[in-house]
């Protein structure tokens, strides 16, 4: 794992040389970097999906007309469930 030469890890206590970490520490550092990259990718994906949802809702909203409205009927009795769950 000589790739970490020159890399540093920062905490409140100071700056640490990654190339001096134990093998376990180096592995954890690499996993930390990979996980951080995945989180960034997922955030981008979430932004894209949220934008798509807004676009879909806008497209639906633009085609709505009054004749599509449905009048809600008041229920006389509550709906009874066949479920026997506790």
N, C-alpha and C. Protein backbone atom coordinates (compact mmCIF):
# COMPACT_ATOMS: atom_id res chain seq x y z
N UNK A 1 0.82 -1.19 0.00
CA UNK A 1 0.00 0.00 0.00
C UNK A 1 0.86 1.25 0.00
N UNK A 2 1.82 1.34 -0.86
CA UNK A 2 2.71 2.49 -0.91
C UNK A 2 2.05 3.70 -1.56
N UNK A 3 0.82 3.53 -2.05
CA UNK A 3 0.09 4.63 -2.67
C UNK A 3 -0.16 5.78 -1.70
N UNK A 4 -0.16 5.49 -0.41
CA UNK A 4 -0.52 6.50 0.58
C UNK A 4 0.63 7.45 0.92
N UNK A 5 1.79 7.29 0.30
CA UNK A 5 2.93 8.16 0.61
C UNK A 5 2.56 9.61 0.28
N UNK A 6 2.71 10.47 1.28
CA UNK A 6 2.36 11.87 1.11
C UNK A 6 0.93 12.20 1.49
N UNK A 7 0.09 11.18 1.67
CA UNK A 7 -1.29 11.41 2.08
C UNK A 7 -1.31 11.70 3.58
N UNK A 8 -2.28 12.54 3.99
CA UNK A 8 -2.42 12.84 5.41
C UNK A 8 -3.85 12.67 5.85
N UNK A 9 -4.01 12.49 7.14
CA UNK A 9 -5.31 12.34 7.77
C UNK A 9 -5.38 13.38 8.89
N UNK A 10 -6.42 14.19 8.88
CA UNK A 10 -6.52 15.29 9.83
C UNK A 10 -7.59 15.03 10.88
N UNK A 11 -7.24 15.27 12.13
CA UNK A 11 -8.20 15.24 13.24
C UNK A 11 -8.03 16.52 14.03
N UNK A 12 -8.80 16.66 15.10
CA UNK A 12 -8.66 17.83 15.97
C UNK A 12 -7.27 17.87 16.61
N UNK A 13 -6.65 16.69 16.76
CA UNK A 13 -5.35 16.60 17.42
C UNK A 13 -4.18 16.93 16.50
N UNK A 14 -4.39 16.89 15.20
CA UNK A 14 -3.30 17.20 14.29
C UNK A 14 -3.39 16.49 12.96
N UNK A 15 -2.27 16.51 12.25
CA UNK A 15 -2.13 15.94 10.91
C UNK A 15 -1.30 14.67 11.00
N UNK A 16 -1.80 13.58 10.45
CA UNK A 16 -1.13 12.28 10.56
C UNK A 16 -0.70 11.79 9.18
N UNK A 17 0.47 11.17 9.11
CA UNK A 17 1.00 10.61 7.87
C UNK A 17 0.39 9.23 7.66
N UNK A 18 -0.38 9.06 6.59
CA UNK A 18 -1.05 7.80 6.31
C UNK A 18 -0.04 6.68 6.06
N UNK A 19 1.10 7.00 5.46
CA UNK A 19 2.08 5.94 5.17
C UNK A 19 2.70 5.36 6.45
N UNK A 20 2.44 5.98 7.61
CA UNK A 20 2.92 5.45 8.88
C UNK A 20 1.83 4.67 9.63
N UNK A 21 0.64 4.63 9.07
CA UNK A 21 -0.46 3.87 9.68
C UNK A 21 -0.11 2.38 9.67
N UNK A 22 -0.78 1.63 10.54
CA UNK A 22 -0.68 0.18 10.49
C UNK A 22 -1.37 -0.30 9.21
N UNK A 23 -1.17 -1.56 8.85
CA UNK A 23 -1.85 -2.10 7.67
C UNK A 23 -3.36 -1.98 7.82
N UNK A 24 -3.86 -2.24 9.02
CA UNK A 24 -5.30 -2.13 9.26
C UNK A 24 -5.75 -0.68 9.10
N UNK A 25 -4.96 0.26 9.61
CA UNK A 25 -5.28 1.68 9.48
C UNK A 25 -5.26 2.13 8.04
N UNK A 26 -4.28 1.63 7.26
CA UNK A 26 -4.20 1.96 5.84
C UNK A 26 -5.42 1.43 5.09
N UNK A 27 -5.81 0.20 5.42
CA UNK A 27 -7.00 -0.38 4.78
C UNK A 27 -8.24 0.43 5.12
N UNK A 28 -8.37 0.82 6.37
CA UNK A 28 -9.52 1.62 6.79
C UNK A 28 -9.52 2.97 6.08
N UNK A 29 -8.34 3.56 5.90
CA UNK A 29 -8.23 4.84 5.21
C UNK A 29 -8.69 4.72 3.76
N UNK A 30 -8.24 3.67 3.09
CA UNK A 30 -8.66 3.44 1.69
C UNK A 30 -10.17 3.24 1.62
N UNK A 31 -10.73 2.47 2.55
CA UNK A 31 -12.18 2.26 2.58
C UNK A 31 -12.91 3.57 2.86
N UNK A 32 -12.33 4.41 3.71
CA UNK A 32 -12.91 5.72 3.99
C UNK A 32 -12.97 6.55 2.73
N UNK A 33 -11.89 6.58 1.96
CA UNK A 33 -11.86 7.34 0.71
C UNK A 33 -12.88 6.81 -0.29
N UNK A 34 -12.94 5.48 -0.43
CA UNK A 34 -13.89 4.86 -1.36
C UNK A 34 -15.33 5.15 -0.95
N UNK A 35 -15.59 5.06 0.36
CA UNK A 35 -16.94 5.30 0.86
C UNK A 35 -17.33 6.76 0.66
N UNK A 36 -16.40 7.67 0.90
CA UNK A 36 -16.67 9.09 0.69
C UNK A 36 -17.01 9.36 -0.78
N UNK A 37 -16.29 8.71 -1.68
CA UNK A 37 -16.56 8.86 -3.12
C UNK A 37 -17.95 8.32 -3.47
N UNK A 38 -18.31 7.18 -2.88
CA UNK A 38 -19.63 6.60 -3.13
C UNK A 38 -20.73 7.51 -2.61
N UNK A 39 -20.52 8.10 -1.43
CA UNK A 39 -21.51 9.02 -0.87
C UNK A 39 -21.71 10.22 -1.80
N UNK A 40 -20.61 10.76 -2.32
CA UNK A 40 -20.70 11.88 -3.26
C UNK A 40 -21.48 11.48 -4.50
N UNK A 41 -21.23 10.29 -5.01
CA UNK A 41 -21.95 9.79 -6.18
C UNK A 41 -23.44 9.63 -5.88
N UNK A 42 -23.75 9.10 -4.70
CA UNK A 42 -25.15 8.92 -4.32
C UNK A 42 -25.86 10.26 -4.15
N UNK A 43 -25.15 11.25 -3.63
CA UNK A 43 -25.76 12.58 -3.49
C UNK A 43 -26.10 13.15 -4.87
N UNK A 44 -25.21 12.94 -5.84
CA UNK A 44 -25.49 13.40 -7.20
C UNK A 44 -26.70 12.67 -7.78
N UNK A 45 -26.75 11.36 -7.54
CA UNK A 45 -27.88 10.56 -8.02
C UNK A 45 -29.17 11.03 -7.38
N UNK A 46 -29.15 11.31 -6.07
CA UNK A 46 -30.35 11.80 -5.39
C UNK A 46 -30.79 13.14 -5.97
N UNK A 47 -29.85 14.02 -6.26
CA UNK A 47 -30.19 15.32 -6.85
C UNK A 47 -30.86 15.12 -8.21
N UNK A 48 -30.33 14.20 -9.01
CA UNK A 48 -30.92 13.91 -10.32
C UNK A 48 -32.33 13.36 -10.16
N UNK A 49 -32.51 12.43 -9.23
CA UNK A 49 -33.83 11.81 -9.04
C UNK A 49 -34.84 12.82 -8.51
N UNK A 50 -34.41 13.69 -7.59
CA UNK A 50 -35.32 14.71 -7.09
C UNK A 50 -35.72 15.68 -8.19
N UNK A 51 -34.78 16.02 -9.06
CA UNK A 51 -35.08 16.89 -10.20
C UNK A 51 -36.07 16.20 -11.15
N UNK A 52 -35.88 14.91 -11.35
CA UNK A 52 -36.79 14.15 -12.21
C UNK A 52 -38.20 14.14 -11.62
N UNK A 53 -38.30 13.94 -10.29
CA UNK A 53 -39.61 13.95 -9.65
C UNK A 53 -40.31 15.29 -9.84
N UNK A 54 -39.57 16.37 -9.66
CA UNK A 54 -40.17 17.70 -9.86
C UNK A 54 -40.65 17.86 -11.30
N UNK A 55 -39.87 17.36 -12.24
CA UNK A 55 -40.26 17.44 -13.65
C UNK A 55 -41.50 16.62 -13.95
N UNK A 56 -41.57 15.42 -13.38
CA UNK A 56 -42.75 14.57 -13.60
C UNK A 56 -43.99 15.22 -13.01
N UNK A 57 -43.85 15.77 -11.79
CA UNK A 57 -45.00 16.43 -11.16
C UNK A 57 -45.43 17.65 -11.97
N UNK A 58 -44.47 18.38 -12.51
CA UNK A 58 -44.80 19.54 -13.34
C UNK A 58 -45.54 19.10 -14.61
N UNK A 59 -45.06 18.03 -15.24
CA UNK A 59 -45.70 17.53 -16.46
C UNK A 59 -47.13 17.08 -16.16
N UNK A 60 -47.31 16.42 -15.04
CA UNK A 60 -48.67 15.98 -14.66
C UNK A 60 -49.55 17.19 -14.39
N UNK A 61 -49.01 18.14 -13.62
CA UNK A 61 -49.78 19.34 -13.27
C UNK A 61 -50.22 20.14 -14.48
N UNK A 62 -49.38 20.20 -15.50
CA UNK A 62 -49.70 20.98 -16.69
C UNK A 62 -50.84 20.37 -17.51
N UNK A 63 -51.08 19.09 -17.36
CA UNK A 63 -52.13 18.48 -18.17
C UNK A 63 -53.44 18.29 -17.42
N UNK A 64 -53.46 18.66 -16.13
CA UNK A 64 -54.68 18.50 -15.34
C UNK A 64 -55.75 19.49 -15.76
N UNK A 65 -57.00 19.00 -15.81
CA UNK A 65 -58.15 19.85 -16.12
C UNK A 65 -59.23 19.60 -15.09
N UNK A 66 -60.17 20.53 -15.00
CA UNK A 66 -61.25 20.39 -14.02
C UNK A 66 -62.08 19.14 -14.24
N UNK A 67 -62.27 18.72 -15.49
CA UNK A 67 -63.10 17.55 -15.75
C UNK A 67 -62.42 16.25 -15.27
N UNK A 68 -61.18 16.34 -14.87
CA UNK A 68 -60.49 15.17 -14.31
C UNK A 68 -60.71 15.02 -12.81
N UNK A 69 -61.24 16.06 -12.18
CA UNK A 69 -61.46 16.02 -10.74
C UNK A 69 -62.47 14.95 -10.36
N UNK A 70 -62.24 14.31 -9.24
CA UNK A 70 -63.13 13.28 -8.71
C UNK A 70 -63.69 13.80 -7.40
N UNK A 71 -65.01 13.72 -7.27
CA UNK A 71 -65.64 14.14 -6.02
C UNK A 71 -65.52 13.00 -5.02
N UNK A 72 -65.03 13.36 -3.85
CA UNK A 72 -64.89 12.34 -2.80
C UNK A 72 -66.23 12.13 -2.13
N UNK A 73 -66.60 10.86 -1.95
CA UNK A 73 -67.85 10.52 -1.26
C UNK A 73 -67.53 10.28 0.20
N UNK A 74 -68.41 10.76 1.07
CA UNK A 74 -68.21 10.53 2.49
C UNK A 74 -68.60 9.10 2.82
N UNK A 75 -67.78 8.44 3.58
CA UNK A 75 -68.07 7.07 3.98
C UNK A 75 -69.05 7.10 5.14
N UNK A 76 -70.15 6.29 5.03
CA UNK A 76 -71.14 6.22 6.10
C UNK A 76 -70.57 5.48 7.31
N UNK A 77 -69.87 4.41 7.05
CA UNK A 77 -69.30 3.60 8.12
C UNK A 77 -67.81 3.43 7.87
N UNK A 78 -67.04 3.27 8.95
CA UNK A 78 -65.62 3.01 8.75
C UNK A 78 -65.41 1.68 8.04
N UNK A 79 -64.34 1.58 7.27
CA UNK A 79 -64.03 0.36 6.57
C UNK A 79 -63.57 -0.68 7.57
N UNK A 80 -64.18 -1.89 7.50
CA UNK A 80 -63.83 -2.95 8.43
C UNK A 80 -62.71 -3.81 7.81
N UNK A 81 -61.79 -4.19 8.65
CA UNK A 81 -60.66 -5.00 8.19
C UNK A 81 -60.90 -6.45 8.49
N UNK A 82 -60.49 -7.32 7.58
CA UNK A 82 -60.57 -8.76 7.77
C UNK A 82 -59.34 -9.27 8.53
N UNK A 83 -58.40 -8.41 8.78
CA UNK A 83 -57.14 -8.80 9.41
C UNK A 83 -57.37 -9.18 10.88
N UNK A 84 -56.64 -10.18 11.31
CA UNK A 84 -56.69 -10.60 12.70
C UNK A 84 -55.37 -10.32 13.40
N UNK A 85 -54.62 -9.37 12.89
CA UNK A 85 -53.33 -9.04 13.48
C UNK A 85 -53.53 -8.31 14.80
N UNK A 86 -52.58 -8.51 15.66
CA UNK A 86 -52.64 -7.85 16.98
C UNK A 86 -51.77 -6.62 16.96
